[in-house]
Amino acid sequence: MAVGNFPFPKMHPVKGLRLASVSANIRYTDRDDLLIMELGPNSSVAGVFTKNAFCAAPVTVCKNHLPGDIRYLIVNSGNANACTGEQGLADAIASCTKIAEISGTKTEQVLPFSTGVIGELLPMENLLAGIPEAMAALEEDAWKQAARAIMTTDTRPKGASEQIEIDGHTITVTGIAKGSGMIRPDMATMLAYIATDADVCSKVLQDMVSRAAEASFNRITVDGDTSTNDSCILMATGTAALAHIDDAKSSAALALYAAIEKILIELAKSIVSDGEGATKFVTVDVAGGGNQEECLKVAYAVAQSPLVKTALFASDPNWGRIVAAIGYAGVKGLDDKLITVHLDDVLIVENGGRAESYTEAAGQKIMDQEEIAIRIHLNRGSVSETVWTSDLSHDYVTINADYRS
């Protein structure tokens, strides 16, 4: 089940990047589950990864290969290659070596990624057999197929793309992502690949992806679980006529960053909207905070509360669950008499209790919507933060109970 209006958009090809996906029978027999991306020479690549201590083998290999002269990325779905020990590392490297042998590059010029079931070894015979077929099918305009190939429990592919003008030149930013469960901030979420044809030095590109991931993938939650495989990769092919960007504060860099952040936020929202079993897309806005940390504590206390999320699923305006979560968020010195809470534009809490103007009918009208905003004002400062989340439904339990079957 998916909510919200997130149709797969027109995807602008990025010159200097080719993609291809094939069915390698890694776990799925009815769709593609192996993706290869090829970057032209002189491209730059940067990324951010999960902070989970049990990080998957491909994450370890990616960290070892970056920064570097990266020419290929390989992604498989259906198997996470996580908690697989030395054999898992050897398998991740072997996939890189296979691509290097075919392309005449080096193993260190390939980044591997995996997503799916944890604790199982990759079916390497199938995976390696699929690589030549994918290498022979590489093309610029295959983003939608790529987005489908990296899906696991996702119900729809996720993409975002736009073109902007910088100093008289048209610049493209295009990206895909996958994620539906095990979604919680602490890097990015699951897998995301964003590319631009701008020419950006590695240092600036790393700064861009770190900041953009913080503003997007680190502001969403479905179930509070951080994956072992989270990876967010930003690639710059340098094929556009725009001058080389090596100053993060230049006007060109600022304009490009704004477009990249916008794309990542669209992808992050599309992941929440496709949260496992989701029937609601929920924005939690916290304003009037003394600092960023306390705003995020409150936002995530509400967004990750099972009681709040189940009330959202039931369309039940049980606002007491919201204020309880605010109260246990761990922010010292909160004054409940100063805090206001709205459902969209309906004031439900003020002066330490239910607002005099609030009616159950008004609250019910908002809770019946597919998209809901919970707006909290702490009235103790000028800082604000936003987190996006979903509800918790019966289907979430069913999906995860049946995941390996």
Protein backbone atom coordinates (compact mmCIF):
# COMPACT_ATOMS: atom_id res chain seq x y z
CA MET A 1 0.00 0.00 0.00
CA ALA A 2 1.26 3.51 -0.77
CA VAL A 3 -0.15 6.97 -0.10
CA GLY A 4 0.31 10.47 -1.39
CA ASN A 5 0.80 11.77 -4.90
CA PHE A 6 4.26 10.54 -5.88
CA PRO A 7 4.02 9.36 -9.50
CA PHE A 8 7.24 8.32 -11.20
CA PRO A 9 8.31 11.48 -13.05
CA LYS A 10 9.95 12.18 -16.37
CA MET A 11 13.60 11.34 -15.80
CA HIS A 12 16.17 13.48 -17.58
CA PRO A 13 19.16 11.40 -18.67
CA VAL A 14 22.52 12.49 -17.28
CA LYS A 15 25.17 12.63 -19.96
CA GLY A 16 28.17 10.55 -18.94
CA LEU A 17 26.13 7.97 -17.01
CA ARG A 18 24.65 4.77 -18.42
CA LEU A 19 22.53 2.16 -16.65
CA ALA A 20 21.18 -1.32 -17.22
CA SER A 21 19.24 -3.82 -15.13
CA VAL A 22 18.68 -7.54 -15.65
CA SER A 23 17.06 -10.48 -13.90
CA ALA A 24 19.83 -12.50 -12.23
CA ASN A 25 17.52 -14.68 -10.10
CA ILE A 26 19.11 -13.47 -6.88
CA ARG A 27 15.81 -13.81 -5.08
CA TYR A 28 13.19 -12.63 -7.53
CA THR A 29 12.23 -14.63 -10.61
CA ASP A 30 9.68 -12.22 -12.04
CA ARG A 31 11.66 -8.99 -12.34
CA ASP A 32 15.10 -7.40 -12.63
CA ASP A 33 17.23 -7.60 -9.49
CA LEU A 34 20.69 -6.59 -10.71
CA LEU A 35 21.64 -3.04 -11.72
CA ILE A 36 24.90 -1.68 -13.14
CA MET A 37 25.73 2.01 -13.57
CA GLU A 38 28.67 3.19 -15.65
CA LEU A 39 30.32 6.57 -15.19
CA GLY A 40 32.44 8.32 -17.77
CA PRO A 41 36.09 9.20 -17.11
CA ASN A 42 36.83 12.13 -14.79
CA SER A 43 33.54 11.71 -12.91
CA SER A 44 33.53 12.35 -9.18
CA VAL A 45 31.63 10.28 -6.61
CA ALA A 46 30.78 10.86 -2.95
CA GLY A 47 28.57 9.09 -0.47
CA VAL A 48 27.23 8.69 3.04
CA PHE A 49 26.51 5.35 4.66
CA THR A 50 24.74 3.65 7.53
CA LYS A 51 26.09 4.08 11.06
CA ASN A 52 24.78 0.64 12.03
CA ALA A 53 27.64 -1.31 13.67
CA PHE A 54 26.59 -4.39 11.68
CA CYS A 55 27.18 -2.64 8.37
CA ALA A 56 26.91 -4.86 5.33
CA ALA A 57 29.92 -6.14 3.40
CA PRO A 58 29.27 -3.89 0.37
CA VAL A 59 29.20 -0.84 2.64
CA THR A 60 32.65 -1.76 3.96
CA VAL A 61 33.96 -2.22 0.41
CA CYS A 62 32.46 1.10 -0.74
CA LYS A 63 34.13 2.94 2.12
CA ASN A 64 37.45 1.33 1.16
CA HIS A 65 37.09 2.30 -2.51
CA LEU A 66 36.09 5.92 -1.83
CA PRO A 67 37.30 8.47 -2.59
CA GLY A 68 38.68 7.20 -5.85
CA ASP A 69 38.35 7.14 -9.61
CA ILE A 70 35.00 5.32 -9.57
CA ARG A 71 33.73 4.08 -12.94
CA TYR A 72 31.03 1.53 -12.06
CA LEU A 73 28.37 0.81 -9.46
CA ILE A 74 26.69 -2.58 -9.06
CA VAL A 75 23.49 -3.05 -7.05
CA ASN A 76 21.60 -6.23 -6.26
CA SER A 77 18.22 -6.55 -4.55
CA GLY A 78 16.81 -9.52 -2.66
CA ASN A 79 19.92 -10.19 -0.57
CA ALA A 80 21.63 -7.69 1.74
CA ASN A 81 24.99 -9.49 1.98
CA ALA A 82 25.02 -8.31 5.60
CA CYS A 83 26.31 -10.27 8.62
CA THR A 84 27.99 -12.66 6.17
CA GLY A 85 31.56 -12.46 7.52
CA GLU A 86 34.68 -12.82 5.43
CA GLN A 87 32.80 -14.68 2.68
CA GLY A 88 30.44 -11.74 2.31
CA LEU A 89 33.38 -9.35 1.87
CA ALA A 90 34.97 -11.70 -0.65
CA ASP A 91 31.70 -11.89 -2.58
CA ALA A 92 31.30 -8.11 -2.69
CA ILE A 93 34.85 -7.73 -3.98
CA ALA A 94 34.33 -10.54 -6.49
CA SER A 95 31.41 -8.67 -8.05
CA CYS A 96 33.64 -5.62 -8.45
CA THR A 97 36.44 -7.72 -9.95
CA LYS A 98 34.08 -9.26 -12.51
CA ILE A 99 33.06 -5.82 -13.76
CA ALA A 100 36.68 -4.68 -13.78
CA GLU A 101 37.70 -7.67 -15.91
CA ILE A 102 34.98 -6.99 -18.48
CA SER A 103 35.53 -3.22 -18.63
CA GLY A 104 39.32 -3.11 -18.37
CA THR A 105 39.20 -1.07 -15.17
CA LYS A 106 40.35 -1.91 -11.65
CA THR A 107 38.43 -3.61 -8.84
CA GLU A 108 38.88 -0.45 -6.75
CA GLN A 109 37.01 1.55 -9.40
CA VAL A 110 33.75 -0.31 -8.69
CA LEU A 111 31.30 0.27 -5.82
CA PRO A 112 29.02 -2.63 -4.74
CA PHE A 113 25.62 -2.31 -3.07
CA SER A 114 23.12 -4.87 -1.81
CA THR A 115 19.65 -4.77 -0.26
CA GLY A 116 17.31 -7.48 0.97
CA VAL A 117 17.41 -10.29 3.50
CA ILE A 118 20.17 -10.10 6.13
CA GLY A 119 22.37 -13.05 7.06
CA GLU A 120 22.33 -15.02 3.81
CA LEU A 121 25.22 -15.41 1.37
CA LEU A 122 24.76 -14.00 -2.11
CA PRO A 123 24.03 -16.56 -4.86
CA MET A 124 27.27 -15.59 -6.55
CA GLU A 125 26.94 -17.91 -9.53
CA ASN A 126 23.70 -16.19 -10.52
CA LEU A 127 24.98 -12.69 -9.73
CA LEU A 128 28.21 -13.07 -11.67
CA ALA A 129 26.37 -14.60 -14.61
CA GLY A 130 24.11 -11.55 -14.82
CA ILE A 131 26.92 -9.01 -15.00
CA PRO A 132 27.94 -9.51 -18.68
CA GLU A 133 24.32 -9.23 -19.81
CA ALA A 134 23.88 -5.96 -17.92
CA MET A 135 27.20 -4.56 -19.16
CA ALA A 136 26.12 -5.19 -22.74
CA ALA A 137 22.82 -3.36 -22.27
CA LEU A 138 24.01 -0.06 -20.75
CA GLU A 139 22.13 3.05 -21.92
CA GLU A 140 21.52 6.61 -20.72
CA ASP A 141 17.72 6.47 -20.56
CA ALA A 142 17.03 3.53 -18.22
CA TRP A 143 16.29 5.24 -14.91
CA LYS A 144 12.82 3.77 -14.40
CA GLN A 145 14.04 0.24 -15.01
CA ALA A 146 16.88 0.93 -12.57
CA ALA A 147 14.47 2.20 -9.93
CA ARG A 148 12.45 -1.00 -10.21
CA ALA A 149 15.50 -3.25 -10.05
CA ILE A 150 16.58 -1.99 -6.62
CA MET A 151 13.15 -2.43 -4.99
CA THR A 152 12.48 -4.97 -2.23
CA THR A 153 9.22 -4.48 -0.29
CA ASP A 154 8.61 -1.21 -2.16
CA THR A 155 5.30 -1.07 -3.97
CA ARG A 156 6.42 1.49 -6.53
CA PRO A 157 9.66 2.86 -8.01
CA LYS A 158 10.94 6.16 -6.67
CA GLY A 159 12.56 8.84 -8.79
CA ALA A 160 13.05 12.59 -9.05
CA SER A 161 14.60 14.71 -11.76
CA GLU A 162 14.89 18.32 -12.82
CA GLN A 163 16.92 20.66 -14.98
CA ILE A 164 18.06 24.09 -13.86
CA GLU A 165 19.95 26.98 -15.39
CA ILE A 166 23.30 27.95 -13.86
CA ASP A 167 25.37 30.70 -15.49
CA GLY A 168 23.51 30.19 -18.76
CA HIS A 169 24.00 26.43 -18.86
CA THR A 170 21.37 23.71 -18.43
CA ILE A 171 22.29 21.36 -15.58
CA THR A 172 20.54 18.05 -14.88
CA VAL A 173 20.00 16.42 -11.50
CA THR A 174 18.36 12.98 -11.56
CA GLY A 175 18.02 10.36 -8.84
CA ILE A 176 16.36 7.15 -7.70
CA ALA A 177 15.89 5.57 -4.30
CA LYS A 178 14.47 2.47 -2.67
CA GLY A 179 13.11 2.02 0.80
CA SER A 180 9.90 1.02 2.50
CA GLY A 181 10.82 -0.59 5.82
CA MET A 182 13.80 -0.39 8.19
CA ILE A 183 13.57 3.36 7.76
CA ARG A 184 15.08 5.61 10.40
CA PRO A 185 17.62 8.42 10.23
CA ASP A 186 21.30 7.81 10.83
CA MET A 187 22.79 8.51 7.42
CA ALA A 188 20.34 8.16 4.64
CA THR A 189 17.85 5.40 4.19
CA MET A 190 18.28 2.16 2.34
CA LEU A 191 19.67 3.01 -1.13
CA ALA A 192 19.72 6.26 -3.14
CA TYR A 193 21.63 7.23 -6.27
CA ILE A 194 21.68 10.81 -7.53
CA ALA A 195 23.62 12.08 -10.53
CA THR A 196 24.35 15.45 -12.11
CA ASP A 197 26.22 16.40 -15.26
CA ALA A 198 27.90 19.30 -13.47
CA ASP A 199 31.68 19.19 -12.95
CA VAL A 200 32.24 19.13 -9.19
CA CYS A 201 35.38 18.32 -7.23
CA SER A 202 35.19 15.39 -4.81
CA LYS A 203 35.51 17.53 -1.68
CA VAL A 204 32.60 19.80 -2.60
CA LEU A 205 30.54 16.84 -3.78
CA GLN A 206 31.04 15.12 -0.41
CA ASP A 207 29.96 18.26 1.40
CA MET A 208 26.85 18.45 -0.78
CA VAL A 209 25.73 14.85 -0.25
CA SER A 210 26.38 15.02 3.50
CA ARG A 211 24.32 18.17 3.95
CA ALA A 212 21.55 17.11 1.57
CA ALA A 213 21.18 13.69 3.24
CA GLU A 214 20.93 15.38 6.62
CA ALA A 215 18.11 17.60 5.34
CA SER A 216 16.22 14.74 3.68
CA PHE A 217 16.91 11.10 4.46
CA ASN A 218 17.87 12.01 8.02
CA ARG A 219 14.45 13.55 8.51
CA ILE A 220 12.24 10.54 7.83
CA THR A 221 11.11 7.49 9.79
CA VAL A 222 8.78 4.59 9.11
CA ASP A 223 9.56 2.17 11.90
CA GLY A 224 12.61 3.43 13.81
CA ASP A 225 14.95 0.76 12.40
CA THR A 226 18.24 1.77 10.79
CA SER A 227 19.29 -0.63 8.04
CA THR A 228 22.65 -2.37 7.81
CA ASN A 229 22.95 -1.32 4.16
CA ASP A 230 21.98 2.37 3.99
CA SER A 231 23.88 4.14 1.23
CA CYS A 232 23.35 7.47 -0.51
CA ILE A 233 25.61 8.16 -3.49
CA LEU A 234 26.03 11.44 -5.37
CA MET A 235 27.76 11.38 -8.75
CA ALA A 236 28.95 14.23 -10.97
CA THR A 237 29.91 13.32 -14.54
CA GLY A 238 31.37 16.70 -15.50
CA THR A 239 29.90 16.58 -19.01
CA ALA A 240 28.01 19.89 -18.86
CA ALA A 241 29.60 23.08 -20.19
CA LEU A 242 29.40 24.77 -16.78
CA ALA A 243 32.78 25.67 -15.30
CA HIS A 244 34.38 23.34 -12.75
CA ILE A 245 32.97 23.80 -9.22
CA ASP A 246 35.58 23.65 -6.47
CA ASP A 247 34.22 26.25 -4.04
CA ALA A 248 31.19 25.20 -1.98
CA LYS A 249 30.30 28.85 -1.39
CA SER A 250 30.29 29.92 -5.03
CA SER A 251 27.00 30.95 -6.62
CA ALA A 252 27.13 27.96 -8.96
CA ALA A 253 27.71 25.55 -6.06
CA LEU A 254 24.86 27.05 -4.04
CA ALA A 255 22.46 26.79 -6.98
CA LEU A 256 23.47 23.20 -7.67
CA TYR A 257 23.20 22.26 -4.00
CA ALA A 258 19.67 23.67 -3.81
CA ALA A 259 18.62 21.44 -6.71
CA ILE A 260 20.32 18.37 -5.19
CA GLU A 261 18.69 18.95 -1.79
CA LYS A 262 15.29 19.33 -3.47
CA ILE A 263 15.74 16.02 -5.30
CA LEU A 264 16.77 14.21 -2.10
CA ILE A 265 13.80 15.60 -0.18
CA GLU A 266 11.43 14.42 -2.93
CA LEU A 267 12.99 10.95 -2.79
CA ALA A 268 12.84 10.88 1.01
CA LYS A 269 9.16 11.83 1.02
CA SER A 270 8.40 9.19 -1.60
CA ILE A 271 9.99 6.56 0.66
CA VAL A 272 7.77 7.55 3.59
CA SER A 273 4.71 7.59 1.37
CA ASP A 274 5.53 3.99 0.42
CA GLY A 275 6.25 2.92 3.99
CA GLU A 276 5.34 -0.71 4.59
CA GLY A 277 1.58 -0.85 5.10
CA ALA A 278 1.28 2.94 5.16
CA THR A 279 -2.14 4.56 4.83
CA LYS A 280 -1.10 8.06 5.99
CA PHE A 281 1.65 10.48 5.03
CA VAL A 282 2.41 12.60 8.08
CA THR A 283 4.47 15.76 8.48
CA VAL A 284 5.63 16.59 12.01
CA ASP A 285 6.66 20.24 12.28
CA VAL A 286 8.30 21.43 15.49
CA ALA A 287 8.86 25.18 15.82
CA GLY A 288 9.88 27.55 18.60
CA GLY A 289 12.72 25.34 19.81
CA GLY A 290 15.80 26.51 21.64
CA ASN A 291 18.07 24.46 19.38
CA GLN A 292 17.99 21.85 16.62
CA GLU A 293 18.54 18.91 18.98
CA GLU A 294 15.45 19.54 21.09
CA CYS A 295 13.28 20.11 18.03
CA LEU A 296 14.37 16.78 16.59
CA LYS A 297 13.90 15.00 19.92
CA VAL A 298 10.29 16.15 20.04
CA ALA A 299 9.66 15.48 16.36
CA TYR A 300 10.97 11.93 16.51
CA ALA A 301 9.28 11.15 19.82
CA VAL A 302 5.97 11.89 18.10
CA ALA A 303 6.86 10.42 14.70
CA GLN A 304 8.09 7.12 16.13
CA SER A 305 5.53 6.61 18.89
CA PRO A 306 3.67 3.34 18.22
CA LEU A 307 0.63 4.78 19.98
CA VAL A 308 0.60 7.91 17.85
CA LYS A 309 1.18 5.88 14.68
CA THR A 310 -1.62 3.42 15.43
CA ALA A 311 -3.98 6.29 16.22
CA LEU A 312 -3.10 7.75 12.83
CA PHE A 313 -3.91 4.42 11.18
CA ALA A 314 -7.27 4.35 12.95
CA SER A 315 -7.94 8.00 12.02
CA ASP A 316 -8.47 8.53 15.75
CA PRO A 317 -7.90 12.14 16.97
CA ASN A 318 -6.46 10.83 20.26
CA TRP A 319 -4.33 13.91 20.84
CA GLY A 320 -3.32 12.75 24.32
CA ARG A 321 -0.83 10.37 22.70
CA ILE A 322 0.83 13.30 20.93
CA VAL A 323 1.32 15.37 24.07
CA ALA A 324 2.54 12.32 25.98
CA ALA A 325 5.24 11.79 23.35
CA ILE A 326 6.24 15.46 23.53
CA GLY A 327 6.53 15.14 27.27
CA TYR A 328 8.83 12.12 27.25
CA ALA A 329 11.03 13.36 24.39
CA GLY A 330 13.79 14.20 26.87
CA VAL A 331 13.86 17.97 26.45
CA LYS A 332 14.70 19.60 29.77
CA GLY A 333 12.65 22.51 31.02
CA LEU A 334 9.67 22.17 28.70
CA ASP A 335 6.74 24.26 29.94
CA ASP A 336 3.52 22.54 28.93
CA LYS A 337 1.57 25.76 29.36
CA LEU A 338 3.58 27.39 26.55
CA ILE A 339 3.25 24.55 24.05
CA THR A 340 0.63 24.57 21.31
CA VAL A 341 -0.30 21.63 19.09
CA HIS A 342 -2.25 21.75 15.83
CA LEU A 343 -3.59 19.11 13.48
CA ASP A 344 -3.16 20.98 10.22
CA ASP A 345 -4.78 24.33 11.11
CA VAL A 346 -6.94 22.97 13.93
CA LEU A 347 -5.64 24.02 17.37
CA ILE A 348 -5.99 21.08 19.74
CA VAL A 349 -3.71 21.93 22.71
CA GLU A 350 -2.83 25.18 24.48
CA ASN A 351 -2.25 26.36 28.05
CA GLY A 352 -1.44 22.83 29.20
CA GLY A 353 -4.71 21.25 28.04
CA ARG A 354 -7.27 20.91 25.30
CA ALA A 355 -7.87 24.16 23.44
CA GLU A 356 -11.23 25.75 24.23
CA SER A 357 -11.94 26.10 20.50
CA TYR A 358 -11.24 22.44 19.74
CA THR A 359 -14.02 20.04 18.80
CA GLU A 360 -13.80 16.32 18.20
CA ALA A 361 -15.50 16.81 14.84
CA ALA A 362 -12.78 19.23 13.71
CA GLY A 363 -10.05 16.81 14.78
CA GLN A 364 -11.79 13.89 13.12
CA LYS A 365 -12.01 15.75 9.82
CA ILE A 366 -8.24 16.17 9.75
CA MET A 367 -7.49 12.60 10.86
CA ASP A 368 -9.66 11.23 8.07
CA GLN A 369 -7.27 12.76 5.53
CA GLU A 370 -4.56 10.75 3.81
CA GLU A 371 -2.01 13.52 4.39
CA ILE A 372 -1.79 15.10 7.84
CA ALA A 373 0.42 17.72 9.49
CA ILE A 374 1.10 17.67 13.24
CA ARG A 375 2.34 21.13 14.14
CA ILE A 376 4.00 21.66 17.51
CA HIS A 377 5.22 25.02 18.84
CA LEU A 378 7.45 24.92 21.91
CA ASN A 379 7.56 28.72 22.35
CA ARG A 380 11.09 28.71 23.79
CA GLY A 381 13.23 29.81 20.85
CA SER A 382 13.38 30.37 17.09
CA VAL A 383 14.60 27.02 15.76
CA SER A 384 12.34 24.71 13.74
CA GLU A 385 12.65 21.21 12.26
CA THR A 386 10.48 18.94 10.13
CA VAL A 387 10.25 15.14 10.11
CA TRP A 388 8.16 13.00 7.76
CA THR A 389 6.60 9.73 8.86
CA SER A 390 3.77 7.27 8.23
CA ASP A 391 1.21 5.41 10.31
CA LEU A 392 1.51 1.85 11.63
CA SER A 393 -1.00 -0.56 10.17
CA HIS A 394 -1.89 -4.25 10.28
CA ASP A 395 -0.19 -4.62 6.91
CA TYR A 396 3.18 -3.55 8.35
CA VAL A 397 3.14 -6.60 10.63
CA THR A 398 1.98 -8.88 7.81
CA ILE A 399 4.65 -7.67 5.38
CA ASN A 400 7.48 -8.17 7.86
CA ALA A 401 6.13 -11.44 9.21
CA ASP A 402 6.04 -12.88 5.70
CA TYR A 403 9.20 -11.20 4.34
CA ARG A 404 11.38 -14.32 4.07
CA SER A 405 8.61 -16.65 2.94
